[in-house]
Structure formats: structure tokens, C-alpha cells
Amino acid sequence: MAKFNFKFDNIIRIKEVLEKKIMKELALIDREIESSNAKKKLLIDKKKELFEAITSGQIKVYEFKSARMHIRHIERNIHNIEKKIKELEHRREQKNLELIQKKKELKIFETLKENKQEEFFFENNREELKQMNEIGISNFIRKEK
């Protein structure tokens, strides 16, 4: 019996590699989002601590202005991190769409491969049956003689 060779096997392998690459990129983006969210939480906690220190009167009058400027600086950093998170989420969305597209393309080739494989085995079985019939007929003819 002959071995099945699919002419698009190389393309399937390339599509699988591209899919894995996109999945790795998605994982990196997710890690960046988690890291940014952690930084944002730390800054928010720091801002709360400073604000509580100001409102409770723990800070002297001459430190008040610098503490207030520090809070504004923290707020700007929080805002920048939020912008970065939005950009990362947009990139994640794009990569998800790209991944879905790659999965569809791979599925098409895999379905085509399955169909071609079924055709190949069907033809192979038909050929074997044909040969078996010919052998049976030739044996029958020999016995008749």
C-alpha cells in the first residue's frame, strides 16, 4: 500500500508555527497588561497613603506643597499607565483577531488534508479490490483448464 503524501503539509506546518508565534505574542501582551495593572495599583496605593497623610495632618506645612506635587506626579503616572493598558488591550484584540484568522486558515487546510486522505484510501481500497478480483478470476480460469 502506498503512503499518503499531502502536497500542502509544508503549508500546514508553517501555519502551525505562525499560530504558535501569535499565541506567544498574546501571552507577552497579557503579561505586560498584568504588570501595568500591578504598577497602577501600587501607584494608587501610594497616592492614597500620601492623601491620608495630608488629611490627617501628619505632614508639616512646608512639606504640604511638595506632597501635593508628588500626588499630581503620581496621578500623571497613573494616567500614562492607563493609556498604556488601553493600547495593550487594543493590541491584544488585534492579535486575537489574527489568531482566529490563522486558526481558520489552518482548519481549512486540515479539512482539505482529511478529504484528500479519505479519497486516497478509497482509491487504494478500490485498486486492491480490483487486483484481488483479477487474481481471483485468473485463479478460476486456471482451475477451469
N, C-alpha and C. Protein backbone atom coordinates (compact mmCIF):
# COMPACT_ATOMS: atom_id res chain seq x y z
N MET A 1 0.85 -1.19 0.00
CA MET A 1 0.00 0.00 0.00
C MET A 1 0.89 1.25 0.00
N ALA A 2 0.55 2.20 -0.81
CA ALA A 2 1.33 3.44 -0.94
C ALA A 2 1.09 4.34 0.26
N LYS A 3 2.08 5.20 0.52
CA LYS A 3 1.99 6.13 1.64
C LYS A 3 1.30 7.41 1.17
N PHE A 4 0.45 7.95 2.04
CA PHE A 4 -0.26 9.19 1.70
C PHE A 4 0.67 10.38 1.88
N ASN A 5 0.79 11.18 0.84
CA ASN A 5 1.57 12.42 0.89
C ASN A 5 0.65 13.57 0.51
N PHE A 6 0.52 14.51 1.43
CA PHE A 6 -0.32 15.68 1.15
C PHE A 6 0.58 16.81 0.68
N LYS A 7 0.24 17.38 -0.46
CA LYS A 7 1.13 18.39 -1.06
C LYS A 7 1.20 19.69 -0.27
N PHE A 8 0.26 19.91 0.64
CA PHE A 8 0.26 21.15 1.41
C PHE A 8 0.73 20.95 2.86
N ASP A 9 1.41 19.84 3.14
CA ASP A 9 1.91 19.59 4.50
C ASP A 9 2.85 20.69 4.98
N ASN A 10 3.69 21.18 4.09
CA ASN A 10 4.61 22.26 4.47
C ASN A 10 3.84 23.52 4.85
N ILE A 11 2.80 23.80 4.12
CA ILE A 11 1.98 24.99 4.43
C ILE A 11 1.32 24.82 5.79
N ILE A 12 0.83 23.62 6.06
CA ILE A 12 0.20 23.36 7.37
C ILE A 12 1.21 23.59 8.49
N ARG A 13 2.43 23.09 8.31
CA ARG A 13 3.46 23.29 9.34
C ARG A 13 3.75 24.78 9.55
N ILE A 14 3.84 25.52 8.45
CA ILE A 14 4.09 26.97 8.55
C ILE A 14 2.94 27.65 9.28
N LYS A 15 1.72 27.28 8.94
CA LYS A 15 0.54 27.88 9.60
C LYS A 15 0.56 27.57 11.10
N GLU A 16 0.96 26.36 11.46
CA GLU A 16 1.03 26.00 12.89
C GLU A 16 2.09 26.83 13.60
N VAL A 17 3.23 27.03 12.95
CA VAL A 17 4.30 27.84 13.54
C VAL A 17 3.82 29.28 13.73
N LEU A 18 3.15 29.82 12.72
CA LEU A 18 2.64 31.19 12.82
C LEU A 18 1.60 31.31 13.94
N GLU A 19 0.77 30.29 14.07
CA GLU A 19 -0.25 30.30 15.13
C GLU A 19 0.42 30.29 16.51
N LYS A 20 1.45 29.46 16.68
CA LYS A 20 2.17 29.42 17.95
C LYS A 20 2.85 30.75 18.24
N LYS A 21 3.39 31.38 17.20
CA LYS A 21 4.05 32.68 17.37
C LYS A 21 3.05 33.72 17.87
N ILE A 22 1.88 33.74 17.28
CA ILE A 22 0.85 34.69 17.70
C ILE A 22 0.42 34.40 19.13
N MET A 23 0.32 33.12 19.49
CA MET A 23 -0.07 32.77 20.86
C MET A 23 0.99 33.25 21.86
N LYS A 24 2.26 33.14 21.50
CA LYS A 24 3.33 33.64 22.37
C LYS A 24 3.24 35.15 22.51
N GLU A 25 2.98 35.84 21.39
CA GLU A 25 2.84 37.30 21.44
C GLU A 25 1.67 37.69 22.33
N LEU A 26 0.57 36.94 22.24
CA LEU A 26 -0.59 37.20 23.10
C LEU A 26 -0.22 37.02 24.57
N ALA A 27 0.53 35.99 24.87
CA ALA A 27 0.95 35.75 26.26
C ALA A 27 1.82 36.90 26.76
N LEU A 28 2.72 37.39 25.90
CA LEU A 28 3.56 38.53 26.29
C LEU A 28 2.72 39.78 26.56
N ILE A 29 1.76 40.02 25.70
CA ILE A 29 0.88 41.19 25.88
C ILE A 29 0.11 41.05 27.19
N ASP A 30 -0.40 39.85 27.47
CA ASP A 30 -1.13 39.63 28.72
C ASP A 30 -0.24 39.88 29.94
N ARG A 31 1.01 39.43 29.86
CA ARG A 31 1.94 39.68 30.97
C ARG A 31 2.19 41.17 31.14
N GLU A 32 2.33 41.88 30.03
CA GLU A 32 2.54 43.34 30.11
C GLU A 32 1.34 44.02 30.74
N ILE A 33 0.14 43.58 30.38
CA ILE A 33 -1.08 44.16 30.96
C ILE A 33 -1.11 43.90 32.46
N GLU A 34 -0.80 42.66 32.87
CA GLU A 34 -0.78 42.34 34.30
C GLU A 34 0.25 43.20 35.03
N SER A 35 1.42 43.34 34.44
CA SER A 35 2.48 44.15 35.05
C SER A 35 2.04 45.61 35.18
N SER A 36 1.44 46.14 34.13
CA SER A 36 0.97 47.53 34.16
C SER A 36 -0.12 47.72 35.20
N ASN A 37 -1.03 46.76 35.30
CA ASN A 37 -2.08 46.85 36.31
C ASN A 37 -1.50 46.81 37.72
N ALA A 38 -0.46 46.00 37.91
CA ALA A 38 0.19 45.94 39.23
C ALA A 38 0.85 47.28 39.56
N LYS A 39 1.53 47.88 38.56
CA LYS A 39 2.16 49.19 38.77
C LYS A 39 1.10 50.23 39.10
N LYS A 40 0.00 50.18 38.37
CA LYS A 40 -1.09 51.14 38.60
C LYS A 40 -1.63 50.99 40.02
N LYS A 41 -1.81 49.76 40.47
CA LYS A 41 -2.32 49.52 41.82
C LYS A 41 -1.35 50.07 42.87
N LEU A 42 -0.05 49.85 42.65
CA LEU A 42 0.95 50.38 43.59
C LEU A 42 0.89 51.90 43.66
N LEU A 43 0.78 52.54 42.49
CA LEU A 43 0.71 54.00 42.46
C LEU A 43 -0.56 54.51 43.14
N ILE A 44 -1.67 53.83 42.93
CA ILE A 44 -2.93 54.23 43.57
C ILE A 44 -2.80 54.10 45.09
N ASP A 45 -2.20 53.01 45.54
CA ASP A 45 -1.99 52.82 46.99
C ASP A 45 -1.08 53.92 47.55
N LYS A 46 -0.03 54.24 46.81
CA LYS A 46 0.91 55.29 47.24
C LYS A 46 0.19 56.64 47.32
N LYS A 47 -0.66 56.90 46.33
CA LYS A 47 -1.42 58.16 46.31
C LYS A 47 -2.36 58.22 47.52
N LYS A 48 -3.02 57.11 47.82
CA LYS A 48 -3.92 57.08 48.98
C LYS A 48 -3.16 57.34 50.28
N GLU A 49 -1.99 56.73 50.40
CA GLU A 49 -1.18 56.93 51.60
C GLU A 49 -0.80 58.40 51.76
N LEU A 50 -0.36 59.01 50.66
CA LEU A 50 0.02 60.43 50.71
C LEU A 50 -1.19 61.30 51.05
N PHE A 51 -2.32 61.00 50.43
CA PHE A 51 -3.52 61.78 50.67
C PHE A 51 -3.96 61.64 52.12
N GLU A 52 -3.89 60.43 52.66
CA GLU A 52 -4.25 60.23 54.07
C GLU A 52 -3.28 60.96 54.99
N ALA A 53 -2.01 60.96 54.62
CA ALA A 53 -1.01 61.67 55.43
C ALA A 53 -1.30 63.17 55.43
N ILE A 54 -1.71 63.70 54.28
CA ILE A 54 -2.02 65.13 54.18
C ILE A 54 -3.27 65.45 55.00
N THR A 55 -4.32 64.66 54.83
CA THR A 55 -5.59 64.96 55.51
C THR A 55 -5.53 64.70 57.01
N SER A 56 -4.67 63.80 57.45
CA SER A 56 -4.59 63.51 58.89
C SER A 56 -3.69 64.50 59.62
N GLY A 57 -2.98 65.33 58.88
CA GLY A 57 -2.14 66.34 59.50
C GLY A 57 -0.76 65.83 59.86
N GLN A 58 -0.34 64.71 59.32
CA GLN A 58 0.99 64.17 59.62
C GLN A 58 2.08 64.95 58.89
N ILE A 59 1.70 65.64 57.83
CA ILE A 59 2.69 66.38 57.03
C ILE A 59 2.72 67.82 57.51
N LYS A 60 3.91 68.34 57.65
CA LYS A 60 4.11 69.73 58.07
C LYS A 60 3.69 70.65 56.92
N VAL A 61 3.47 71.90 57.26
CA VAL A 61 3.02 72.89 56.29
C VAL A 61 4.03 73.06 55.16
N TYR A 62 5.32 73.10 55.47
CA TYR A 62 6.33 73.30 54.43
C TYR A 62 6.47 72.06 53.52
N GLU A 63 6.00 70.87 53.97
CA GLU A 63 6.04 69.67 53.13
C GLU A 63 4.76 69.50 52.31
N PHE A 64 3.74 70.29 52.65
CA PHE A 64 2.44 70.15 52.00
C PHE A 64 2.53 70.35 50.50
N LYS A 65 3.22 71.41 50.08
CA LYS A 65 3.31 71.74 48.66
C LYS A 65 4.02 70.61 47.89
N SER A 66 5.11 70.10 48.41
CA SER A 66 5.83 69.03 47.71
C SER A 66 5.01 67.74 47.70
N ALA A 67 4.26 67.49 48.77
CA ALA A 67 3.41 66.30 48.81
C ALA A 67 2.30 66.40 47.77
N ARG A 68 1.75 67.60 47.65
CA ARG A 68 0.69 67.84 46.65
C ARG A 68 1.24 67.65 45.24
N MET A 69 2.45 68.16 44.98
CA MET A 69 3.08 67.99 43.67
C MET A 69 3.38 66.51 43.42
N HIS A 70 3.77 65.81 44.45
CA HIS A 70 4.04 64.38 44.32
C HIS A 70 2.76 63.62 43.95
N ILE A 71 1.65 64.01 44.56
CA ILE A 71 0.35 63.39 44.23
C ILE A 71 0.00 63.64 42.77
N ARG A 72 0.21 64.86 42.28
CA ARG A 72 -0.06 65.17 40.86
C ARG A 72 0.82 64.33 39.94
N HIS A 73 2.08 64.19 40.35
CA HIS A 73 3.01 63.38 39.56
C HIS A 73 2.53 61.92 39.51
N ILE A 74 2.08 61.41 40.63
CA ILE A 74 1.56 60.04 40.68
C ILE A 74 0.32 59.92 39.80
N GLU A 75 -0.56 60.94 39.84
CA GLU A 75 -1.77 60.91 39.00
C GLU A 75 -1.41 60.88 37.52
N ARG A 76 -0.38 61.65 37.13
CA ARG A 76 0.07 61.63 35.72
C ARG A 76 0.60 60.25 35.35
N ASN A 77 1.36 59.66 36.26
CA ASN A 77 1.88 58.31 36.00
C ASN A 77 0.74 57.30 35.86
N ILE A 78 -0.26 57.42 36.73
CA ILE A 78 -1.43 56.53 36.65
C ILE A 78 -2.12 56.70 35.31
N HIS A 79 -2.29 57.96 34.90
CA HIS A 79 -2.93 58.24 33.61
C HIS A 79 -2.12 57.63 32.46
N ASN A 80 -0.80 57.77 32.49
CA ASN A 80 0.05 57.20 31.44
C ASN A 80 -0.05 55.67 31.42
N ILE A 81 -0.09 55.08 32.58
CA ILE A 81 -0.22 53.62 32.65
C ILE A 81 -1.57 53.17 32.10
N GLU A 82 -2.63 53.93 32.41
CA GLU A 82 -3.95 53.59 31.88
C GLU A 82 -3.96 53.67 30.35
N LYS A 83 -3.29 54.69 29.80
CA LYS A 83 -3.18 54.79 28.34
C LYS A 83 -2.44 53.58 27.77
N LYS A 84 -1.36 53.21 28.45
CA LYS A 84 -0.57 52.06 28.00
C LYS A 84 -1.42 50.78 28.05
N ILE A 85 -2.21 50.62 29.10
CA ILE A 85 -3.07 49.44 29.24
C ILE A 85 -4.09 49.40 28.10
N LYS A 86 -4.67 50.56 27.77
CA LYS A 86 -5.64 50.61 26.67
C LYS A 86 -4.97 50.21 25.35
N GLU A 87 -3.76 50.71 25.12
CA GLU A 87 -3.03 50.34 23.90
C GLU A 87 -2.75 48.84 23.88
N LEU A 88 -2.34 48.30 25.02
CA LEU A 88 -2.05 46.87 25.09
C LEU A 88 -3.31 46.04 24.86
N GLU A 89 -4.43 46.49 25.41
CA GLU A 89 -5.69 45.76 25.20
C GLU A 89 -6.10 45.82 23.74
N HIS A 90 -5.85 46.95 23.09
CA HIS A 90 -6.14 47.06 21.65
C HIS A 90 -5.25 46.09 20.86
N ARG A 91 -3.96 46.05 21.23
CA ARG A 91 -3.04 45.11 20.56
C ARG A 91 -3.48 43.67 20.79
N ARG A 92 -3.94 43.38 22.02
CA ARG A 92 -4.41 42.02 22.32
C ARG A 92 -5.61 41.67 21.46
N GLU A 93 -6.53 42.63 21.30
CA GLU A 93 -7.69 42.41 20.44
C GLU A 93 -7.27 42.09 19.01
N GLN A 94 -6.31 42.89 18.50
CA GLN A 94 -5.81 42.68 17.14
C GLN A 94 -5.17 41.30 17.01
N LYS A 95 -4.37 40.92 17.99
CA LYS A 95 -3.71 39.60 17.95
C LYS A 95 -4.74 38.48 18.05
N ASN A 96 -5.80 38.69 18.84
CA ASN A 96 -6.86 37.68 18.92
C ASN A 96 -7.53 37.48 17.57
N LEU A 97 -7.81 38.60 16.89
CA LEU A 97 -8.40 38.51 15.56
C LEU A 97 -7.46 37.79 14.59
N GLU A 98 -6.18 38.13 14.70
CA GLU A 98 -5.17 37.49 13.86
C GLU A 98 -5.10 35.99 14.15
N LEU A 99 -5.17 35.63 15.43
CA LEU A 99 -5.12 34.22 15.82
C LEU A 99 -6.35 33.47 15.29
N ILE A 100 -7.50 34.09 15.39
CA ILE A 100 -8.72 33.47 14.87
C ILE A 100 -8.59 33.22 13.38
N GLN A 101 -8.04 34.20 12.65
CA GLN A 101 -7.85 34.05 11.21
C GLN A 101 -6.88 32.90 10.90
N LYS A 102 -5.78 32.83 11.65
CA LYS A 102 -4.80 31.75 11.43
C LYS A 102 -5.42 30.39 11.73
N LYS A 103 -6.24 30.31 12.78
CA LYS A 103 -6.90 29.04 13.11
C LYS A 103 -7.86 28.63 12.00
N LYS A 104 -8.57 29.60 11.42
CA LYS A 104 -9.48 29.29 10.32
C LYS A 104 -8.70 28.76 9.12
N GLU A 105 -7.60 29.43 8.78
CA GLU A 105 -6.78 29.00 7.65
C GLU A 105 -6.25 27.59 7.88
N LEU A 106 -5.76 27.33 9.08
CA LEU A 106 -5.23 26.01 9.41
C LEU A 106 -6.33 24.96 9.32
N LYS A 107 -7.51 25.29 9.83
CA LYS A 107 -8.64 24.35 9.80
C LYS A 107 -9.01 24.01 8.36
N ILE A 108 -8.97 25.00 7.47
CA ILE A 108 -9.28 24.76 6.06
C ILE A 108 -8.31 23.74 5.47
N PHE A 109 -7.02 23.95 5.72
CA PHE A 109 -6.01 23.03 5.18
C PHE A 109 -6.13 21.63 5.81
N GLU A 110 -6.42 21.58 7.10
CA GLU A 110 -6.57 20.27 7.75
C GLU A 110 -7.79 19.53 7.21
N THR A 111 -8.88 20.25 6.98
CA THR A 111 -10.06 19.63 6.40
C THR A 111 -9.76 19.13 4.99
N LEU A 112 -9.06 19.94 4.22
CA LEU A 112 -8.67 19.53 2.87
C LEU A 112 -7.80 18.28 2.93
N LYS A 113 -6.88 18.25 3.88
CA LYS A 113 -6.00 17.08 4.04
C LYS A 113 -6.81 15.83 4.37
N GLU A 114 -7.77 15.97 5.30
CA GLU A 114 -8.61 14.83 5.66
C GLU A 114 -9.40 14.33 4.45
N ASN A 115 -9.95 15.25 3.68
CA ASN A 115 -10.71 14.86 2.49
C ASN A 115 -9.83 14.14 1.47
N LYS A 116 -8.65 14.69 1.23
CA LYS A 116 -7.72 14.08 0.28
C LYS A 116 -7.26 12.71 0.78
N GLN A 117 -7.08 12.60 2.09
CA GLN A 117 -6.65 11.33 2.67
C GLN A 117 -7.74 10.27 2.49
N GLU A 118 -8.99 10.67 2.72
CA GLU A 118 -10.11 9.74 2.52
C GLU A 118 -10.18 9.30 1.07
N GLU A 119 -10.02 10.26 0.14
CA GLU A 119 -10.02 9.92 -1.29
C GLU A 119 -8.90 8.94 -1.60
N PHE A 120 -7.72 9.21 -1.04
CA PHE A 120 -6.55 8.36 -1.29
C PHE A 120 -6.82 6.93 -0.82
N PHE A 121 -7.35 6.78 0.41
CA PHE A 121 -7.61 5.45 0.94
C PHE A 121 -8.73 4.75 0.16
N PHE A 122 -9.73 5.51 -0.25
CA PHE A 122 -10.82 4.95 -1.04
C PHE A 122 -10.28 4.41 -2.36
N GLU A 123 -9.46 5.21 -3.04
CA GLU A 123 -8.86 4.78 -4.31
C GLU A 123 -7.94 3.58 -4.09
N ASN A 124 -7.18 3.60 -3.02
CA ASN A 124 -6.29 2.49 -2.70
C ASN A 124 -7.08 1.19 -2.50
N ASN A 125 -8.16 1.28 -1.73
CA ASN A 125 -9.01 0.11 -1.49
C ASN A 125 -9.62 -0.39 -2.79
N ARG A 126 -10.06 0.54 -3.61
CA ARG A 126 -10.64 0.17 -4.90
C ARG A 126 -9.62 -0.56 -5.78
N GLU A 127 -8.41 -0.05 -5.79
CA GLU A 127 -7.32 -0.66 -6.56
C GLU A 127 -7.02 -2.05 -6.03
N GLU A 128 -6.97 -2.20 -4.70
CA GLU A 128 -6.71 -3.52 -4.10
C GLU A 128 -7.81 -4.50 -4.46
N LEU A 129 -9.07 -4.04 -4.37
CA LEU A 129 -10.20 -4.92 -4.73
C LEU A 129 -10.11 -5.34 -6.19
N LYS A 130 -9.73 -4.41 -7.04
CA LYS A 130 -9.60 -4.69 -8.47
C LYS A 130 -8.52 -5.76 -8.69
N GLN A 131 -7.39 -5.61 -8.01
CA GLN A 131 -6.30 -6.59 -8.13
C GLN A 131 -6.73 -7.95 -7.58
N MET A 132 -7.44 -7.94 -6.45
CA MET A 132 -7.92 -9.20 -5.87
C MET A 132 -8.89 -9.90 -6.82
N ASN A 133 -9.77 -9.13 -7.45
CA ASN A 133 -10.70 -9.71 -8.43
C ASN A 133 -9.95 -10.32 -9.60
N GLU A 134 -8.94 -9.60 -10.10
CA GLU A 134 -8.15 -10.11 -11.22
C GLU A 134 -7.44 -11.40 -10.82
N ILE A 135 -6.89 -11.45 -9.61
CA ILE A 135 -6.22 -12.66 -9.13
C ILE A 135 -7.23 -13.80 -9.01
N GLY A 136 -8.39 -13.48 -8.45
CA GLY A 136 -9.45 -14.50 -8.32
C GLY A 136 -9.90 -15.02 -9.67
N ILE A 137 -10.08 -14.14 -10.62
CA ILE A 137 -10.51 -14.54 -11.96
C ILE A 137 -9.44 -15.40 -12.63
N SER A 138 -8.17 -14.97 -12.52
CA SER A 138 -7.09 -15.74 -13.15
C SER A 138 -6.96 -17.11 -12.49
N ASN A 139 -7.14 -17.19 -11.17
CA ASN A 139 -7.12 -18.49 -10.48
C ASN A 139 -8.28 -19.37 -10.94
N PHE A 140 -9.42 -18.77 -11.11
CA PHE A 140 -10.60 -19.51 -11.56
C PHE A 140 -10.38 -20.05 -12.97
N ILE A 141 -9.81 -19.21 -13.84
CA ILE A 141 -9.55 -19.62 -15.23
C ILE A 141 -8.53 -20.76 -15.24
N ARG A 142 -7.51 -20.71 -14.41
CA ARG A 142 -6.50 -21.78 -14.35
C ARG A 142 -7.12 -23.09 -13.88
N LYS A 143 -8.02 -23.00 -12.91
CA LYS A 143 -8.67 -24.20 -12.41
C LYS A 143 -9.56 -24.83 -13.47
N GLU A 144 -10.18 -23.99 -14.29
CA GLU A 144 -11.08 -24.46 -15.34
C GLU A 144 -10.30 -25.24 -16.40
N LYS A 145 -9.06 -24.88 -16.63
CA LYS A 145 -8.27 -25.52 -17.69
C LYS A 145 -7.76 -26.82 -17.26
